[in-house]
Amino acid sequence: SDRLLSPGQGREKIESLRDSARGR
């Protein structure tokens, strides 16, 4: 929760979760 909502790097975090979802 803290790292996901910490300020900055929003695009990189979204892309990270998207890639993690692709790998289940």
PDBML (XML) file of the C-alpha atoms, coordinates in Angstrom:
<?xml version="1.0" encoding="UTF-8" ?>
<PDBx:datablock datablockName="MODEL"
   xmlns:PDBx="http://pdbml.pdb.org/schema/pdbx-v50.xsd"
   xmlns:xsi="http://www.w3.org/2001/XMLSchema-instance"
   xsi:schemaLocation="http://pdbml.pdb.org/schema/pdbx-v50.xsd pdbx-v50.xsd">
   <PDBx:atom_siteCategory>
      <PDBx:atom_site id="1">
         <PDBx:B_iso_or_equiv>0.00</PDBx:B_iso_or_equiv>
         <PDBx:Cartn_x>0.000</PDBx:Cartn_x>
         <PDBx:Cartn_y>0.000</PDBx:Cartn_y>
         <PDBx:Cartn_z>0.000</PDBx:Cartn_z>
         <PDBx:auth_asym_id>A</PDBx:auth_asym_id>
         <PDBx:auth_atom_id>CA</PDBx:auth_atom_id>
         <PDBx:auth_comp_id>SER</PDBx:auth_comp_id>
         <PDBx:auth_seq_id>1</PDBx:auth_seq_id>
         <PDBx:group_PDB>ATOM</PDBx:group_PDB>
         <PDBx:label_alt_id xsi:nil="true" />
         <PDBx:label_asym_id>A</PDBx:label_asym_id>
         <PDBx:label_atom_id>CA</PDBx:label_atom_id>
         <PDBx:label_comp_id>SER</PDBx:label_comp_id>
         <PDBx:label_entity_id>1</PDBx:label_entity_id>
         <PDBx:label_seq_id>1</PDBx:label_seq_id>
         <PDBx:occupancy>1.00</PDBx:occupancy>
         <PDBx:pdbx_PDB_model_num>1</PDBx:pdbx_PDB_model_num>
         <PDBx:type_symbol>C</PDBx:type_symbol>
      </PDBx:atom_site>
      <PDBx:atom_site id="2">
         <PDBx:B_iso_or_equiv>0.00</PDBx:B_iso_or_equiv>
         <PDBx:Cartn_x>2.719</PDBx:Cartn_x>
         <PDBx:Cartn_y>2.514</PDBx:Cartn_y>
         <PDBx:Cartn_z>0.910</PDBx:Cartn_z>
         <PDBx:auth_asym_id>A</PDBx:auth_asym_id>
         <PDBx:auth_atom_id>CA</PDBx:auth_atom_id>
         <PDBx:auth_comp_id>ASP</PDBx:auth_comp_id>
         <PDBx:auth_seq_id>2</PDBx:auth_seq_id>
         <PDBx:group_PDB>ATOM</PDBx:group_PDB>
         <PDBx:label_alt_id xsi:nil="true" />
         <PDBx:label_asym_id>A</PDBx:label_asym_id>
         <PDBx:label_atom_id>CA</PDBx:label_atom_id>
         <PDBx:label_comp_id>ASP</PDBx:label_comp_id>
         <PDBx:label_entity_id>1</PDBx:label_entity_id>
         <PDBx:label_seq_id>2</PDBx:label_seq_id>
         <PDBx:occupancy>1.00</PDBx:occupancy>
         <PDBx:pdbx_PDB_model_num>1</PDBx:pdbx_PDB_model_num>
         <PDBx:type_symbol>C</PDBx:type_symbol>
      </PDBx:atom_site>
      <PDBx:atom_site id="3">
         <PDBx:B_iso_or_equiv>0.00</PDBx:B_iso_or_equiv>
         <PDBx:Cartn_x>4.908</PDBx:Cartn_x>
         <PDBx:Cartn_y>1.908</PDBx:Cartn_y>
         <PDBx:Cartn_z>-2.106</PDBx:Cartn_z>
         <PDBx:auth_asym_id>A</PDBx:auth_asym_id>
         <PDBx:auth_atom_id>CA</PDBx:auth_atom_id>
         <PDBx:auth_comp_id>ARG</PDBx:auth_comp_id>
         <PDBx:auth_seq_id>3</PDBx:auth_seq_id>
         <PDBx:group_PDB>ATOM</PDBx:group_PDB>
         <PDBx:label_alt_id xsi:nil="true" />
         <PDBx:label_asym_id>A</PDBx:label_asym_id>
         <PDBx:label_atom_id>CA</PDBx:label_atom_id>
         <PDBx:label_comp_id>ARG</PDBx:label_comp_id>
         <PDBx:label_entity_id>1</PDBx:label_entity_id>
         <PDBx:label_seq_id>3</PDBx:label_seq_id>
         <PDBx:occupancy>1.00</PDBx:occupancy>
         <PDBx:pdbx_PDB_model_num>1</PDBx:pdbx_PDB_model_num>
         <PDBx:type_symbol>C</PDBx:type_symbol>
      </PDBx:atom_site>
      <PDBx:atom_site id="4">
         <PDBx:B_iso_or_equiv>0.00</PDBx:B_iso_or_equiv>
         <PDBx:Cartn_x>2.025</PDBx:Cartn_x>
         <PDBx:Cartn_y>1.807</PDBx:Cartn_y>
         <PDBx:Cartn_z>-4.572</PDBx:Cartn_z>
         <PDBx:auth_asym_id>A</PDBx:auth_asym_id>
         <PDBx:auth_atom_id>CA</PDBx:auth_atom_id>
         <PDBx:auth_comp_id>LEU</PDBx:auth_comp_id>
         <PDBx:auth_seq_id>4</PDBx:auth_seq_id>
         <PDBx:group_PDB>ATOM</PDBx:group_PDB>
         <PDBx:label_alt_id xsi:nil="true" />
         <PDBx:label_asym_id>A</PDBx:label_asym_id>
         <PDBx:label_atom_id>CA</PDBx:label_atom_id>
         <PDBx:label_comp_id>LEU</PDBx:label_comp_id>
         <PDBx:label_entity_id>1</PDBx:label_entity_id>
         <PDBx:label_seq_id>4</PDBx:label_seq_id>
         <PDBx:occupancy>1.00</PDBx:occupancy>
         <PDBx:pdbx_PDB_model_num>1</PDBx:pdbx_PDB_model_num>
         <PDBx:type_symbol>C</PDBx:type_symbol>
      </PDBx:atom_site>
      <PDBx:atom_site id="5">
         <PDBx:B_iso_or_equiv>0.00</PDBx:B_iso_or_equiv>
         <PDBx:Cartn_x>0.588</PDBx:Cartn_x>
         <PDBx:Cartn_y>5.139</PDBx:Cartn_y>
         <PDBx:Cartn_z>-3.433</PDBx:Cartn_z>
         <PDBx:auth_asym_id>A</PDBx:auth_asym_id>
         <PDBx:auth_atom_id>CA</PDBx:auth_atom_id>
         <PDBx:auth_comp_id>LEU</PDBx:auth_comp_id>
         <PDBx:auth_seq_id>5</PDBx:auth_seq_id>
         <PDBx:group_PDB>ATOM</PDBx:group_PDB>
         <PDBx:label_alt_id xsi:nil="true" />
         <PDBx:label_asym_id>A</PDBx:label_asym_id>
         <PDBx:label_atom_id>CA</PDBx:label_atom_id>
         <PDBx:label_comp_id>LEU</PDBx:label_comp_id>
         <PDBx:label_entity_id>1</PDBx:label_entity_id>
         <PDBx:label_seq_id>5</PDBx:label_seq_id>
         <PDBx:occupancy>1.00</PDBx:occupancy>
         <PDBx:pdbx_PDB_model_num>1</PDBx:pdbx_PDB_model_num>
         <PDBx:type_symbol>C</PDBx:type_symbol>
      </PDBx:atom_site>
      <PDBx:atom_site id="6">
         <PDBx:B_iso_or_equiv>0.00</PDBx:B_iso_or_equiv>
         <PDBx:Cartn_x>3.864</PDBx:Cartn_x>
         <PDBx:Cartn_y>6.918</PDBx:Cartn_y>
         <PDBx:Cartn_z>-2.701</PDBx:Cartn_z>
         <PDBx:auth_asym_id>A</PDBx:auth_asym_id>
         <PDBx:auth_atom_id>CA</PDBx:auth_atom_id>
         <PDBx:auth_comp_id>SER</PDBx:auth_comp_id>
         <PDBx:auth_seq_id>6</PDBx:auth_seq_id>
         <PDBx:group_PDB>ATOM</PDBx:group_PDB>
         <PDBx:label_alt_id xsi:nil="true" />
         <PDBx:label_asym_id>A</PDBx:label_asym_id>
         <PDBx:label_atom_id>CA</PDBx:label_atom_id>
         <PDBx:label_comp_id>SER</PDBx:label_comp_id>
         <PDBx:label_entity_id>1</PDBx:label_entity_id>
         <PDBx:label_seq_id>6</PDBx:label_seq_id>
         <PDBx:occupancy>1.00</PDBx:occupancy>
         <PDBx:pdbx_PDB_model_num>1</PDBx:pdbx_PDB_model_num>
         <PDBx:type_symbol>C</PDBx:type_symbol>
      </PDBx:atom_site>
      <PDBx:atom_site id="7">
         <PDBx:B_iso_or_equiv>0.00</PDBx:B_iso_or_equiv>
         <PDBx:Cartn_x>4.327</PDBx:Cartn_x>
         <PDBx:Cartn_y>10.119</PDBx:Cartn_y>
         <PDBx:Cartn_z>-4.749</PDBx:Cartn_z>
         <PDBx:auth_asym_id>A</PDBx:auth_asym_id>
         <PDBx:auth_atom_id>CA</PDBx:auth_atom_id>
         <PDBx:auth_comp_id>PRO</PDBx:auth_comp_id>
         <PDBx:auth_seq_id>7</PDBx:auth_seq_id>
         <PDBx:group_PDB>ATOM</PDBx:group_PDB>
         <PDBx:label_alt_id xsi:nil="true" />
         <PDBx:label_asym_id>A</PDBx:label_asym_id>
         <PDBx:label_atom_id>CA</PDBx:label_atom_id>
         <PDBx:label_comp_id>PRO</PDBx:label_comp_id>
         <PDBx:label_entity_id>1</PDBx:label_entity_id>
         <PDBx:label_seq_id>7</PDBx:label_seq_id>
         <PDBx:occupancy>1.00</PDBx:occupancy>
         <PDBx:pdbx_PDB_model_num>1</PDBx:pdbx_PDB_model_num>
         <PDBx:type_symbol>C</PDBx:type_symbol>
      </PDBx:atom_site>
      <PDBx:atom_site id="8">
         <PDBx:B_iso_or_equiv>0.00</PDBx:B_iso_or_equiv>
         <PDBx:Cartn_x>5.873</PDBx:Cartn_x>
         <PDBx:Cartn_y>9.935</PDBx:Cartn_y>
         <PDBx:Cartn_z>-8.203</PDBx:Cartn_z>
         <PDBx:auth_asym_id>A</PDBx:auth_asym_id>
         <PDBx:auth_atom_id>CA</PDBx:auth_atom_id>
         <PDBx:auth_comp_id>GLY</PDBx:auth_comp_id>
         <PDBx:auth_seq_id>8</PDBx:auth_seq_id>
         <PDBx:group_PDB>ATOM</PDBx:group_PDB>
         <PDBx:label_alt_id xsi:nil="true" />
         <PDBx:label_asym_id>A</PDBx:label_asym_id>
         <PDBx:label_atom_id>CA</PDBx:label_atom_id>
         <PDBx:label_comp_id>GLY</PDBx:label_comp_id>
         <PDBx:label_entity_id>1</PDBx:label_entity_id>
         <PDBx:label_seq_id>8</PDBx:label_seq_id>
         <PDBx:occupancy>1.00</PDBx:occupancy>
         <PDBx:pdbx_PDB_model_num>1</PDBx:pdbx_PDB_model_num>
         <PDBx:type_symbol>C</PDBx:type_symbol>
      </PDBx:atom_site>
      <PDBx:atom_site id="9">
         <PDBx:B_iso_or_equiv>0.00</PDBx:B_iso_or_equiv>
         <PDBx:Cartn_x>6.603</PDBx:Cartn_x>
         <PDBx:Cartn_y>7.188</PDBx:Cartn_y>
         <PDBx:Cartn_z>-10.731</PDBx:Cartn_z>
         <PDBx:auth_asym_id>A</PDBx:auth_asym_id>
         <PDBx:auth_atom_id>CA</PDBx:auth_atom_id>
         <PDBx:auth_comp_id>GLN</PDBx:auth_comp_id>
         <PDBx:auth_seq_id>9</PDBx:auth_seq_id>
         <PDBx:group_PDB>ATOM</PDBx:group_PDB>
         <PDBx:label_alt_id xsi:nil="true" />
         <PDBx:label_asym_id>A</PDBx:label_asym_id>
         <PDBx:label_atom_id>CA</PDBx:label_atom_id>
         <PDBx:label_comp_id>GLN</PDBx:label_comp_id>
         <PDBx:label_entity_id>1</PDBx:label_entity_id>
         <PDBx:label_seq_id>9</PDBx:label_seq_id>
         <PDBx:occupancy>1.00</PDBx:occupancy>
         <PDBx:pdbx_PDB_model_num>1</PDBx:pdbx_PDB_model_num>
         <PDBx:type_symbol>C</PDBx:type_symbol>
      </PDBx:atom_site>
      <PDBx:atom_site id="10">
         <PDBx:B_iso_or_equiv>0.00</PDBx:B_iso_or_equiv>
         <PDBx:Cartn_x>2.902</PDBx:Cartn_x>
         <PDBx:Cartn_y>6.630</PDBx:Cartn_y>
         <PDBx:Cartn_z>-11.373</PDBx:Cartn_z>
         <PDBx:auth_asym_id>A</PDBx:auth_asym_id>
         <PDBx:auth_atom_id>CA</PDBx:auth_atom_id>
         <PDBx:auth_comp_id>GLY</PDBx:auth_comp_id>
         <PDBx:auth_seq_id>10</PDBx:auth_seq_id>
         <PDBx:group_PDB>ATOM</PDBx:group_PDB>
         <PDBx:label_alt_id xsi:nil="true" />
         <PDBx:label_asym_id>A</PDBx:label_asym_id>
         <PDBx:label_atom_id>CA</PDBx:label_atom_id>
         <PDBx:label_comp_id>GLY</PDBx:label_comp_id>
         <PDBx:label_entity_id>1</PDBx:label_entity_id>
         <PDBx:label_seq_id>10</PDBx:label_seq_id>
         <PDBx:occupancy>1.00</PDBx:occupancy>
         <PDBx:pdbx_PDB_model_num>1</PDBx:pdbx_PDB_model_num>
         <PDBx:type_symbol>C</PDBx:type_symbol>
      </PDBx:atom_site>
      <PDBx:atom_site id="11">
         <PDBx:B_iso_or_equiv>0.00</PDBx:B_iso_or_equiv>
         <PDBx:Cartn_x>3.343</PDBx:Cartn_x>
         <PDBx:Cartn_y>5.382</PDBx:Cartn_y>
         <PDBx:Cartn_z>-14.926</PDBx:Cartn_z>
         <PDBx:auth_asym_id>A</PDBx:auth_asym_id>
         <PDBx:auth_atom_id>CA</PDBx:auth_atom_id>
         <PDBx:auth_comp_id>ARG</PDBx:auth_comp_id>
         <PDBx:auth_seq_id>11</PDBx:auth_seq_id>
         <PDBx:group_PDB>ATOM</PDBx:group_PDB>
         <PDBx:label_alt_id xsi:nil="true" />
         <PDBx:label_asym_id>A</PDBx:label_asym_id>
         <PDBx:label_atom_id>CA</PDBx:label_atom_id>
         <PDBx:label_comp_id>ARG</PDBx:label_comp_id>
         <PDBx:label_entity_id>1</PDBx:label_entity_id>
         <PDBx:label_seq_id>11</PDBx:label_seq_id>
         <PDBx:occupancy>1.00</PDBx:occupancy>
         <PDBx:pdbx_PDB_model_num>1</PDBx:pdbx_PDB_model_num>
         <PDBx:type_symbol>C</PDBx:type_symbol>
      </PDBx:atom_site>
      <PDBx:atom_site id="12">
         <PDBx:B_iso_or_equiv>0.00</PDBx:B_iso_or_equiv>
         <PDBx:Cartn_x>6.099</PDBx:Cartn_x>
         <PDBx:Cartn_y>2.952</PDBx:Cartn_y>
         <PDBx:Cartn_z>-13.924</PDBx:Cartn_z>
         <PDBx:auth_asym_id>A</PDBx:auth_asym_id>
         <PDBx:auth_atom_id>CA</PDBx:auth_atom_id>
         <PDBx:auth_comp_id>GLU</PDBx:auth_comp_id>
         <PDBx:auth_seq_id>12</PDBx:auth_seq_id>
         <PDBx:group_PDB>ATOM</PDBx:group_PDB>
         <PDBx:label_alt_id xsi:nil="true" />
         <PDBx:label_asym_id>A</PDBx:label_asym_id>
         <PDBx:label_atom_id>CA</PDBx:label_atom_id>
         <PDBx:label_comp_id>GLU</PDBx:label_comp_id>
         <PDBx:label_entity_id>1</PDBx:label_entity_id>
         <PDBx:label_seq_id>12</PDBx:label_seq_id>
         <PDBx:occupancy>1.00</PDBx:occupancy>
         <PDBx:pdbx_PDB_model_num>1</PDBx:pdbx_PDB_model_num>
         <PDBx:type_symbol>C</PDBx:type_symbol>
      </PDBx:atom_site>
      <PDBx:atom_site id="13">
         <PDBx:B_iso_or_equiv>0.00</PDBx:B_iso_or_equiv>
         <PDBx:Cartn_x>3.982</PDBx:Cartn_x>
         <PDBx:Cartn_y>1.529</PDBx:Cartn_y>
         <PDBx:Cartn_z>-11.074</PDBx:Cartn_z>
         <PDBx:auth_asym_id>A</PDBx:auth_asym_id>
         <PDBx:auth_atom_id>CA</PDBx:auth_atom_id>
         <PDBx:auth_comp_id>LYS</PDBx:auth_comp_id>
         <PDBx:auth_seq_id>13</PDBx:auth_seq_id>
         <PDBx:group_PDB>ATOM</PDBx:group_PDB>
         <PDBx:label_alt_id xsi:nil="true" />
         <PDBx:label_asym_id>A</PDBx:label_asym_id>
         <PDBx:label_atom_id>CA</PDBx:label_atom_id>
         <PDBx:label_comp_id>LYS</PDBx:label_comp_id>
         <PDBx:label_entity_id>1</PDBx:label_entity_id>
         <PDBx:label_seq_id>13</PDBx:label_seq_id>
         <PDBx:occupancy>1.00</PDBx:occupancy>
         <PDBx:pdbx_PDB_model_num>1</PDBx:pdbx_PDB_model_num>
         <PDBx:type_symbol>C</PDBx:type_symbol>
      </PDBx:atom_site>
      <PDBx:atom_site id="14">
         <PDBx:B_iso_or_equiv>0.00</PDBx:B_iso_or_equiv>
         <PDBx:Cartn_x>0.973</PDBx:Cartn_x>
         <PDBx:Cartn_y>1.057</PDBx:Cartn_y>
         <PDBx:Cartn_z>-13.335</PDBx:Cartn_z>
         <PDBx:auth_asym_id>A</PDBx:auth_asym_id>
         <PDBx:auth_atom_id>CA</PDBx:auth_atom_id>
         <PDBx:auth_comp_id>ILE</PDBx:auth_comp_id>
         <PDBx:auth_seq_id>14</PDBx:auth_seq_id>
         <PDBx:group_PDB>ATOM</PDBx:group_PDB>
         <PDBx:label_alt_id xsi:nil="true" />
         <PDBx:label_asym_id>A</PDBx:label_asym_id>
         <PDBx:label_atom_id>CA</PDBx:label_atom_id>
         <PDBx:label_comp_id>ILE</PDBx:label_comp_id>
         <PDBx:label_entity_id>1</PDBx:label_entity_id>
         <PDBx:label_seq_id>14</PDBx:label_seq_id>
         <PDBx:occupancy>1.00</PDBx:occupancy>
         <PDBx:pdbx_PDB_model_num>1</PDBx:pdbx_PDB_model_num>
         <PDBx:type_symbol>C</PDBx:type_symbol>
      </PDBx:atom_site>
      <PDBx:atom_site id="15">
         <PDBx:B_iso_or_equiv>0.00</PDBx:B_iso_or_equiv>
         <PDBx:Cartn_x>3.133</PDBx:Cartn_x>
         <PDBx:Cartn_y>-0.697</PDBx:Cartn_y>
         <PDBx:Cartn_z>-15.926</PDBx:Cartn_z>
         <PDBx:auth_asym_id>A</PDBx:auth_asym_id>
         <PDBx:auth_atom_id>CA</PDBx:auth_atom_id>
         <PDBx:auth_comp_id>GLU</PDBx:auth_comp_id>
         <PDBx:auth_seq_id>15</PDBx:auth_seq_id>
         <PDBx:group_PDB>ATOM</PDBx:group_PDB>
         <PDBx:label_alt_id xsi:nil="true" />
         <PDBx:label_asym_id>A</PDBx:label_asym_id>
         <PDBx:label_atom_id>CA</PDBx:label_atom_id>
         <PDBx:label_comp_id>GLU</PDBx:label_comp_id>
         <PDBx:label_entity_id>1</PDBx:label_entity_id>
         <PDBx:label_seq_id>15</PDBx:label_seq_id>
         <PDBx:occupancy>1.00</PDBx:occupancy>
         <PDBx:pdbx_PDB_model_num>1</PDBx:pdbx_PDB_model_num>
         <PDBx:type_symbol>C</PDBx:type_symbol>
      </PDBx:atom_site>
      <PDBx:atom_site id="16">
         <PDBx:B_iso_or_equiv>0.00</PDBx:B_iso_or_equiv>
         <PDBx:Cartn_x>4.672</PDBx:Cartn_x>
         <PDBx:Cartn_y>-2.885</PDBx:Cartn_y>
         <PDBx:Cartn_z>-13.210</PDBx:Cartn_z>
         <PDBx:auth_asym_id>A</PDBx:auth_asym_id>
         <PDBx:auth_atom_id>CA</PDBx:auth_atom_id>
         <PDBx:auth_comp_id>SER</PDBx:auth_comp_id>
         <PDBx:auth_seq_id>16</PDBx:auth_seq_id>
         <PDBx:group_PDB>ATOM</PDBx:group_PDB>
         <PDBx:label_alt_id xsi:nil="true" />
         <PDBx:label_asym_id>A</PDBx:label_asym_id>
         <PDBx:label_atom_id>CA</PDBx:label_atom_id>
         <PDBx:label_comp_id>SER</PDBx:label_comp_id>
         <PDBx:label_entity_id>1</PDBx:label_entity_id>
         <PDBx:label_seq_id>16</PDBx:label_seq_id>
         <PDBx:occupancy>1.00</PDBx:occupancy>
         <PDBx:pdbx_PDB_model_num>1</PDBx:pdbx_PDB_model_num>
         <PDBx:type_symbol>C</PDBx:type_symbol>
      </PDBx:atom_site>
      <PDBx:atom_site id="17">
         <PDBx:B_iso_or_equiv>0.00</PDBx:B_iso_or_equiv>
         <PDBx:Cartn_x>1.257</PDBx:Cartn_x>
         <PDBx:Cartn_y>-4.081</PDBx:Cartn_y>
         <PDBx:Cartn_z>-12.010</PDBx:Cartn_z>
         <PDBx:auth_asym_id>A</PDBx:auth_asym_id>
         <PDBx:auth_atom_id>CA</PDBx:auth_atom_id>
         <PDBx:auth_comp_id>LEU</PDBx:auth_comp_id>
         <PDBx:auth_seq_id>17</PDBx:auth_seq_id>
         <PDBx:group_PDB>ATOM</PDBx:group_PDB>
         <PDBx:label_alt_id xsi:nil="true" />
         <PDBx:label_asym_id>A</PDBx:label_asym_id>
         <PDBx:label_atom_id>CA</PDBx:label_atom_id>
         <PDBx:label_comp_id>LEU</PDBx:label_comp_id>
         <PDBx:label_entity_id>1</PDBx:label_entity_id>
         <PDBx:label_seq_id>17</PDBx:label_seq_id>
         <PDBx:occupancy>1.00</PDBx:occupancy>
         <PDBx:pdbx_PDB_model_num>1</PDBx:pdbx_PDB_model_num>
         <PDBx:type_symbol>C</PDBx:type_symbol>
      </PDBx:atom_site>
      <PDBx:atom_site id="18">
         <PDBx:B_iso_or_equiv>0.00</PDBx:B_iso_or_equiv>
         <PDBx:Cartn_x>0.114</PDBx:Cartn_x>
         <PDBx:Cartn_y>-4.619</PDBx:Cartn_y>
         <PDBx:Cartn_z>-15.591</PDBx:Cartn_z>
         <PDBx:auth_asym_id>A</PDBx:auth_asym_id>
         <PDBx:auth_atom_id>CA</PDBx:auth_atom_id>
         <PDBx:auth_comp_id>ARG</PDBx:auth_comp_id>
         <PDBx:auth_seq_id>18</PDBx:auth_seq_id>
         <PDBx:group_PDB>ATOM</PDBx:group_PDB>
         <PDBx:label_alt_id xsi:nil="true" />
         <PDBx:label_asym_id>A</PDBx:label_asym_id>
         <PDBx:label_atom_id>CA</PDBx:label_atom_id>
         <PDBx:label_comp_id>ARG</PDBx:label_comp_id>
         <PDBx:label_entity_id>1</PDBx:label_entity_id>
         <PDBx:label_seq_id>18</PDBx:label_seq_id>
         <PDBx:occupancy>1.00</PDBx:occupancy>
         <PDBx:pdbx_PDB_model_num>1</PDBx:pdbx_PDB_model_num>
         <PDBx:type_symbol>C</PDBx:type_symbol>
      </PDBx:atom_site>
      <PDBx:atom_site id="19">
         <PDBx:B_iso_or_equiv>0.00</PDBx:B_iso_or_equiv>
         <PDBx:Cartn_x>3.157</PDBx:Cartn_x>
         <PDBx:Cartn_y>-6.791</PDBx:Cartn_y>
         <PDBx:Cartn_z>-16.304</PDBx:Cartn_z>
         <PDBx:auth_asym_id>A</PDBx:auth_asym_id>
         <PDBx:auth_atom_id>CA</PDBx:auth_atom_id>
         <PDBx:auth_comp_id>ASP</PDBx:auth_comp_id>
         <PDBx:auth_seq_id>19</PDBx:auth_seq_id>
         <PDBx:group_PDB>ATOM</PDBx:group_PDB>
         <PDBx:label_alt_id xsi:nil="true" />
         <PDBx:label_asym_id>A</PDBx:label_asym_id>
         <PDBx:label_atom_id>CA</PDBx:label_atom_id>
         <PDBx:label_comp_id>ASP</PDBx:label_comp_id>
         <PDBx:label_entity_id>1</PDBx:label_entity_id>
         <PDBx:label_seq_id>19</PDBx:label_seq_id>
         <PDBx:occupancy>1.00</PDBx:occupancy>
         <PDBx:pdbx_PDB_model_num>1</PDBx:pdbx_PDB_model_num>
         <PDBx:type_symbol>C</PDBx:type_symbol>
      </PDBx:atom_site>
      <PDBx:atom_site id="20">
         <PDBx:B_iso_or_equiv>0.00</PDBx:B_iso_or_equiv>
         <PDBx:Cartn_x>2.666</PDBx:Cartn_x>
         <PDBx:Cartn_y>-8.659</PDBx:Cartn_y>
         <PDBx:Cartn_z>-13.028</PDBx:Cartn_z>
         <PDBx:auth_asym_id>A</PDBx:auth_asym_id>
         <PDBx:auth_atom_id>CA</PDBx:auth_atom_id>
         <PDBx:auth_comp_id>SER</PDBx:auth_comp_id>
         <PDBx:auth_seq_id>20</PDBx:auth_seq_id>
         <PDBx:group_PDB>ATOM</PDBx:group_PDB>
         <PDBx:label_alt_id xsi:nil="true" />
         <PDBx:label_asym_id>A</PDBx:label_asym_id>
         <PDBx:label_atom_id>CA</PDBx:label_atom_id>
         <PDBx:label_comp_id>SER</PDBx:label_comp_id>
         <PDBx:label_entity_id>1</PDBx:label_entity_id>
         <PDBx:label_seq_id>20</PDBx:label_seq_id>
         <PDBx:occupancy>1.00</PDBx:occupancy>
         <PDBx:pdbx_PDB_model_num>1</PDBx:pdbx_PDB_model_num>
         <PDBx:type_symbol>C</PDBx:type_symbol>
      </PDBx:atom_site>
      <PDBx:atom_site id="21">
         <PDBx:B_iso_or_equiv>0.00</PDBx:B_iso_or_equiv>
         <PDBx:Cartn_x>-0.945</PDBx:Cartn_x>
         <PDBx:Cartn_y>-9.346</PDBx:Cartn_y>
         <PDBx:Cartn_z>-14.002</PDBx:Cartn_z>
         <PDBx:auth_asym_id>A</PDBx:auth_asym_id>
         <PDBx:auth_atom_id>CA</PDBx:auth_atom_id>
         <PDBx:auth_comp_id>ALA</PDBx:auth_comp_id>
         <PDBx:auth_seq_id>21</PDBx:auth_seq_id>
         <PDBx:group_PDB>ATOM</PDBx:group_PDB>
         <PDBx:label_alt_id xsi:nil="true" />
         <PDBx:label_asym_id>A</PDBx:label_asym_id>
         <PDBx:label_atom_id>CA</PDBx:label_atom_id>
         <PDBx:label_comp_id>ALA</PDBx:label_comp_id>
         <PDBx:label_entity_id>1</PDBx:label_entity_id>
         <PDBx:label_seq_id>21</PDBx:label_seq_id>
         <PDBx:occupancy>1.00</PDBx:occupancy>
         <PDBx:pdbx_PDB_model_num>1</PDBx:pdbx_PDB_model_num>
         <PDBx:type_symbol>C</PDBx:type_symbol>
      </PDBx:atom_site>
      <PDBx:atom_site id="22">
         <PDBx:B_iso_or_equiv>0.00</PDBx:B_iso_or_equiv>
         <PDBx:Cartn_x>0.179</PDBx:Cartn_x>
         <PDBx:Cartn_y>-10.797</PDBx:Cartn_y>
         <PDBx:Cartn_z>-17.340</PDBx:Cartn_z>
         <PDBx:auth_asym_id>A</PDBx:auth_asym_id>
         <PDBx:auth_atom_id>CA</PDBx:auth_atom_id>
         <PDBx:auth_comp_id>ARG</PDBx:auth_comp_id>
         <PDBx:auth_seq_id>22</PDBx:auth_seq_id>
         <PDBx:group_PDB>ATOM</PDBx:group_PDB>
         <PDBx:label_alt_id xsi:nil="true" />
         <PDBx:label_asym_id>A</PDBx:label_asym_id>
         <PDBx:label_atom_id>CA</PDBx:label_atom_id>
         <PDBx:label_comp_id>ARG</PDBx:label_comp_id>
         <PDBx:label_entity_id>1</PDBx:label_entity_id>
         <PDBx:label_seq_id>22</PDBx:label_seq_id>
         <PDBx:occupancy>1.00</PDBx:occupancy>
         <PDBx:pdbx_PDB_model_num>1</PDBx:pdbx_PDB_model_num>
         <PDBx:type_symbol>C</PDBx:type_symbol>
      </PDBx:atom_site>
      <PDBx:atom_site id="23">
         <PDBx:B_iso_or_equiv>0.00</PDBx:B_iso_or_equiv>
         <PDBx:Cartn_x>2.365</PDBx:Cartn_x>
         <PDBx:Cartn_y>-13.247</PDBx:Cartn_y>
         <PDBx:Cartn_z>-15.429</PDBx:Cartn_z>
         <PDBx:auth_asym_id>A</PDBx:auth_asym_id>
         <PDBx:auth_atom_id>CA</PDBx:auth_atom_id>
         <PDBx:auth_comp_id>GLY</PDBx:auth_comp_id>
         <PDBx:auth_seq_id>23</PDBx:auth_seq_id>
         <PDBx:group_PDB>ATOM</PDBx:group_PDB>
         <PDBx:label_alt_id xsi:nil="true" />
         <PDBx:label_asym_id>A</PDBx:label_asym_id>
         <PDBx:label_atom_id>CA</PDBx:label_atom_id>
         <PDBx:label_comp_id>GLY</PDBx:label_comp_id>
         <PDBx:label_entity_id>1</PDBx:label_entity_id>
         <PDBx:label_seq_id>23</PDBx:label_seq_id>
         <PDBx:occupancy>1.00</PDBx:occupancy>
         <PDBx:pdbx_PDB_model_num>1</PDBx:pdbx_PDB_model_num>
         <PDBx:type_symbol>C</PDBx:type_symbol>
      </PDBx:atom_site>
      <PDBx:atom_site id="24">
         <PDBx:B_iso_or_equiv>0.00</PDBx:B_iso_or_equiv>
         <PDBx:Cartn_x>-0.504</PDBx:Cartn_x>
         <PDBx:Cartn_y>-13.939</PDBx:Cartn_y>
         <PDBx:Cartn_z>-12.968</PDBx:Cartn_z>
         <PDBx:auth_asym_id>A</PDBx:auth_asym_id>
         <PDBx:auth_atom_id>CA</PDBx:auth_atom_id>
         <PDBx:auth_comp_id>ARG</PDBx:auth_comp_id>
         <PDBx:auth_seq_id>24</PDBx:auth_seq_id>
         <PDBx:group_PDB>ATOM</PDBx:group_PDB>
         <PDBx:label_alt_id xsi:nil="true" />
         <PDBx:label_asym_id>A</PDBx:label_asym_id>
         <PDBx:label_atom_id>CA</PDBx:label_atom_id>
         <PDBx:label_comp_id>ARG</PDBx:label_comp_id>
         <PDBx:label_entity_id>1</PDBx:label_entity_id>
         <PDBx:label_seq_id>24</PDBx:label_seq_id>
         <PDBx:occupancy>1.00</PDBx:occupancy>
         <PDBx:pdbx_PDB_model_num>1</PDBx:pdbx_PDB_model_num>
         <PDBx:type_symbol>C</PDBx:type_symbol>
      </PDBx:atom_site>
   </PDBx:atom_siteCategory>
</PDBx:datablock>
